[in-house]
Amino acid sequence: QVQLEESGGGLVQAGGSLRLSCTFSGDTFTSFRMGWFRQAPGKQRQFIAGISKSGLNRNYADSVEGRFALSRDNAKKTVVLQMNVLTPEDTGVYYCAADFDPLGSRDNVGRTTESSYDYWGQGTQVTVSS
């Protein structure tokens, strides 16, 4: 059974940075594309960033492009979302998600729809104060 555990959330002032980590267990990590989603208060969960199985290709939501950076370490089975120049609009619960794709290209970027992902972490709260 795949398990995802996020860490690194917290309270930060606008303009600051946070680093979210996601630890994967329970299956072959390199069979999964990985993604991060965010759910702001009163809103639906939305795609933030995705990464290919190889770790070479990434894609981002327009709202975080240039400020967030996603990486993965296949040996350690971890995914890290570095978030910089945070704004109050970045506030929300951040979820790590795993998309089982054993037969797809190693370089396909993360899918952007919730329904594409098979496993989810419990979420970590990020609050950005103005």
Foldseek 3Di string as FASTA:
>chain_A
DKAKAKDWADEEAAQAKIKMKIAIDDDQLLQWKKFKWWDDPPGDIWTAKTAFSVQPDMDGDPVQPPFWDWGADNVRRMIMIIGGRDDQVRWGWMKMFIARHNPDDRGDIDDTDPVRTDDIHPTDGHGYHD
